[in-house]
Protein backbone atom coordinates (compact mmCIF):
# COMPACT_ATOMS: atom_id res chain seq x y z
CA MET A 1 101.15 129.20 -20.72
CA GLY A 2 100.18 126.19 -22.82
CA HIS A 3 99.75 122.70 -21.42
CA SER A 4 103.09 121.45 -22.82
CA ARG A 5 104.93 124.44 -21.37
CA GLN A 6 103.29 123.81 -18.01
CA ASP A 7 104.32 120.16 -18.19
CA LYS A 8 107.88 121.10 -19.11
CA ALA A 9 108.07 123.62 -16.27
CA ALA A 10 106.68 121.07 -13.80
CA SER A 11 109.17 118.44 -15.01
CA HIS A 12 112.03 120.94 -14.75
CA ASP A 13 111.04 121.84 -11.20
CA ARG A 14 110.75 118.15 -10.24
CA ILE A 15 114.22 117.42 -11.64
CA VAL A 16 115.75 120.36 -9.74
CA ARG A 17 114.03 119.41 -6.45
CA ILE A 18 115.23 115.81 -6.70
CA ALA A 19 118.72 116.97 -7.66
CA ALA A 20 118.78 119.38 -4.69
CA GLY A 21 118.20 116.47 -2.32
CA ARG A 22 120.75 114.27 -4.05
CA VAL A 23 123.39 117.02 -4.02
CA ARG A 24 122.88 117.53 -0.28
CA GLU A 25 123.01 113.80 0.35
CA ALA A 26 125.94 112.74 -1.84
CA GLY A 27 127.58 115.88 -3.23
CA ALA A 28 127.67 117.47 -6.65
CA ASP A 29 130.15 115.00 -8.10
CA ALA A 30 127.85 112.07 -7.31
CA LEU A 31 124.91 113.56 -9.19
CA GLY A 32 124.25 111.11 -12.04
CA VAL A 33 122.06 112.39 -14.85
CA ALA A 34 120.66 109.00 -15.91
CA GLU A 35 119.59 108.04 -12.38
CA LEU A 36 118.20 111.49 -11.70
CA MET A 37 116.08 111.50 -14.84
CA GLN A 38 114.81 108.01 -14.06
CA GLU A 39 113.82 109.09 -10.54
CA ALA A 40 112.02 112.09 -12.05
CA GLY A 41 110.11 109.72 -14.34
CA LEU A 42 111.74 111.06 -17.50
CA THR A 43 114.10 109.71 -20.12
CA HIS A 44 117.82 110.33 -20.01
CA GLY A 45 117.61 111.85 -23.50
CA GLY A 46 115.18 114.49 -22.24
CA PHE A 47 117.79 116.01 -19.96
CA TYR A 48 119.02 118.51 -22.57
CA ARG A 49 115.50 119.84 -23.11
CA HIS A 50 115.78 121.19 -19.58
CA PHE A 51 119.47 121.99 -19.07
CA GLY A 52 122.32 123.11 -21.28
CA SER A 53 124.80 121.02 -19.32
CA ARG A 54 125.31 119.00 -16.16
CA ASP A 55 126.99 122.08 -14.63
CA ALA A 56 123.78 124.06 -15.25
CA LEU A 57 121.82 121.37 -13.40
CA VAL A 58 124.29 121.40 -10.49
CA ALA A 59 124.00 125.19 -10.28
CA GLU A 60 120.20 125.08 -10.20
CA ALA A 61 120.18 122.18 -7.73
CA LEU A 62 122.48 124.05 -5.36
CA GLU A 63 120.41 127.21 -5.67
CA GLU A 64 117.27 125.20 -4.90
CA ALA A 65 118.91 123.47 -1.92
CA LEU A 66 120.02 126.83 -0.53
CA ALA A 67 116.54 128.31 -1.10
CA GLN A 68 115.02 125.37 0.78
CA SER A 69 117.42 126.00 3.67
CA ARG A 70 116.44 129.69 3.80
CA ALA A 71 112.76 128.73 3.68
CA THR A 72 113.17 126.38 6.65
CA VAL A 73 114.58 129.17 8.80
CA ALA A 74 112.01 131.69 7.52
CA ASP A 75 109.17 129.27 8.28
CA ALA A 76 110.52 128.70 11.79
CA ARG A 77 110.77 132.45 12.40
CA GLU A 78 107.26 132.98 11.05
CA ALA A 79 106.00 130.30 13.45
CA GLY A 80 107.53 132.27 16.32
CA ALA A 81 110.81 130.41 16.80
CA GLY A 82 113.66 132.50 18.09
CA TYR A 83 117.40 132.06 18.01
CA ALA A 84 117.62 129.32 20.64
CA GLU A 85 114.86 127.26 19.04
CA ILE A 86 116.36 127.55 15.56
CA VAL A 87 119.80 126.60 16.88
CA ALA A 88 118.34 123.61 18.77
CA ASP A 89 116.44 122.40 15.71
CA TYR A 90 119.47 122.80 13.46
CA LEU A 91 121.78 121.00 15.90
CA SER A 92 119.40 118.09 16.42
CA PRO A 93 119.92 114.40 15.68
CA ALA A 94 116.95 114.60 13.29
CA HIS A 95 118.74 117.20 11.15
CA ARG A 96 122.04 115.36 11.35
CA ASP A 97 120.39 112.13 10.23
CA ALA A 98 118.55 113.60 7.20
CA PRO A 99 121.18 115.17 4.93
CA ALA A 100 118.99 115.00 1.79
CA ALA A 101 116.40 117.23 3.47
CA GLY A 102 118.81 119.25 5.59
CA CYS A 103 120.88 122.37 5.27
CA ALA A 104 122.83 122.69 2.04
CA VAL A 105 125.66 124.54 3.79
CA ALA A 106 126.35 121.70 6.23
CA ALA A 107 126.23 119.22 3.37
CA LEU A 108 128.22 121.12 0.76
CA ALA A 109 130.55 123.63 2.41
CA SER A 110 133.63 121.50 1.85
CA GLU A 111 132.98 121.17 -1.86
CA ALA A 112 131.50 124.60 -2.63
CA GLY A 113 134.95 126.10 -3.16
CA ARG A 114 135.55 123.67 -6.02
CA LEU A 115 132.32 124.47 -7.85
CA GLN A 116 131.96 126.81 -10.82
CA ASP A 117 131.24 130.53 -10.55
CA ARG A 118 127.43 130.44 -10.50
CA PRO A 119 127.11 127.90 -7.64
CA ARG A 120 129.84 129.61 -5.63
CA GLU A 121 128.14 132.97 -6.06
CA ALA A 122 124.84 131.43 -4.90
CA PHE A 123 126.63 129.93 -1.91
CA THR A 124 128.19 133.31 -1.08
CA ARG A 125 124.81 135.08 -1.29
CA HIS A 126 123.33 132.45 1.00
CA ILE A 127 126.06 132.89 3.62
CA GLU A 128 125.58 136.67 3.51
CA ALA A 129 121.82 136.27 3.95
CA SER A 130 122.31 133.74 6.74
CA ALA A 131 124.65 136.11 8.56
CA GLU A 132 122.01 138.86 8.39
CA THR A 133 119.28 136.49 9.59
CA PHE A 134 121.34 135.25 12.51
CA LEU A 135 122.45 138.77 13.40
CA ALA A 136 118.79 139.77 13.70
CA LEU A 137 118.02 136.65 15.73
CA LEU A 138 120.99 137.26 18.04
CA ARG A 139 120.19 140.94 18.51
CA ALA A 140 116.66 140.07 19.60
CA LYS A 141 118.30 138.41 22.64
CA ASN A 142 121.55 140.36 22.85
CA PRO A 143 121.48 143.88 21.36
CA ALA A 144 125.30 144.04 21.50
CA ALA A 145 125.67 141.07 19.09
CA THR A 146 127.88 141.76 16.08
CA ARG A 147 128.20 140.49 12.54
CA ARG A 148 131.20 138.45 13.75
CA ASP A 149 128.92 136.76 16.28
CA ALA A 150 126.45 135.96 13.51
CA LEU A 151 129.20 134.57 11.26
CA LEU A 152 130.46 132.50 14.19
CA ALA A 153 126.96 131.10 14.67
CA VAL A 154 126.51 130.27 10.97
CA SER A 155 129.96 128.66 10.81
CA ALA A 156 129.51 126.69 14.02
CA LEU A 157 126.07 125.43 12.99
CA ALA A 158 127.20 124.08 9.63
CA GLY A 159 130.52 122.81 10.97
CA ALA A 160 128.94 120.99 13.90
CA VAL A 161 126.42 119.18 11.70
CA ALA A 162 129.11 118.28 9.17
CA LEU A 163 131.37 116.88 11.91
CA ALA A 164 128.50 115.11 13.67
CA ARG A 165 127.72 113.36 10.38
CA ALA A 166 131.36 112.51 9.74
CA VAL A 167 132.31 110.75 12.96
CA SER A 168 131.66 107.03 13.44
CA ASP A 169 130.99 107.22 17.20
CA PRO A 170 127.31 108.04 17.90
CA ALA A 171 128.11 109.35 21.39
CA LEU A 172 130.73 111.73 20.00
CA SER A 173 128.30 112.85 17.30
CA ASP A 174 125.67 113.69 19.93
CA GLU A 175 128.31 115.40 22.09
CA ILE A 176 129.30 117.65 19.17
CA LEU A 177 125.71 118.70 18.58
CA GLN A 178 124.96 119.28 22.27
CA GLY A 179 128.19 121.13 23.03
CA VAL A 180 127.96 123.51 20.10
CA ARG A 181 124.24 124.06 20.78
CA GLU A 182 124.98 125.06 24.39
CA ARG A 183 127.78 127.45 23.39
CA LEU A 184 125.75 129.09 20.62
CA VAL A 185 122.76 129.62 22.89
CA ALA A 186 125.11 131.17 25.46
CA LEU A 187 126.37 133.53 22.73
CA ALA A 188 122.91 135.08 22.68
CA GLY A 189 123.11 135.66 26.43
CA SER A 190 120.25 133.31 27.21
CA GLY A 191 122.26 130.49 28.84
CA PRO A 192 122.60 126.82 27.80
């Protein structure tokens, strides 16, 4: 690959990574092309050298955000974390307080249904993969765990973080995280 192609690929990747954080933090509708390109150190006019449309950028940004979420769980598993540790990390104040670096599902579930086909399909694939991951994690502790249990865990994780971010009362926010964490850990049969 020539130097200019390498530069273009690196610029494209930088734009998508920045957009992935912005989409998680403020939503797809708030993704402004001019500001994004400026943050990436590029001109607004250069946007169409990388993307056919804003929708194409949103699709790639969501796919990147979801890939980053999968990588976080995969890295934790590789480091030896089990179900309870992953649940505790996910339902932590640190995760709640960092939406731009956090889980794309917790940040975007409410708006994913309004996105175009490609982003919705990516979201669907991610939920399927997450269900399989959490089923394996649950079964390591509770061999009788079912796909429904895994879907409950995935739903409760994302929902708890979304609600904990939405409420104005810090004590209630912490209570949501702690309560859901305790119930999900109990689902695996390993107690609160």
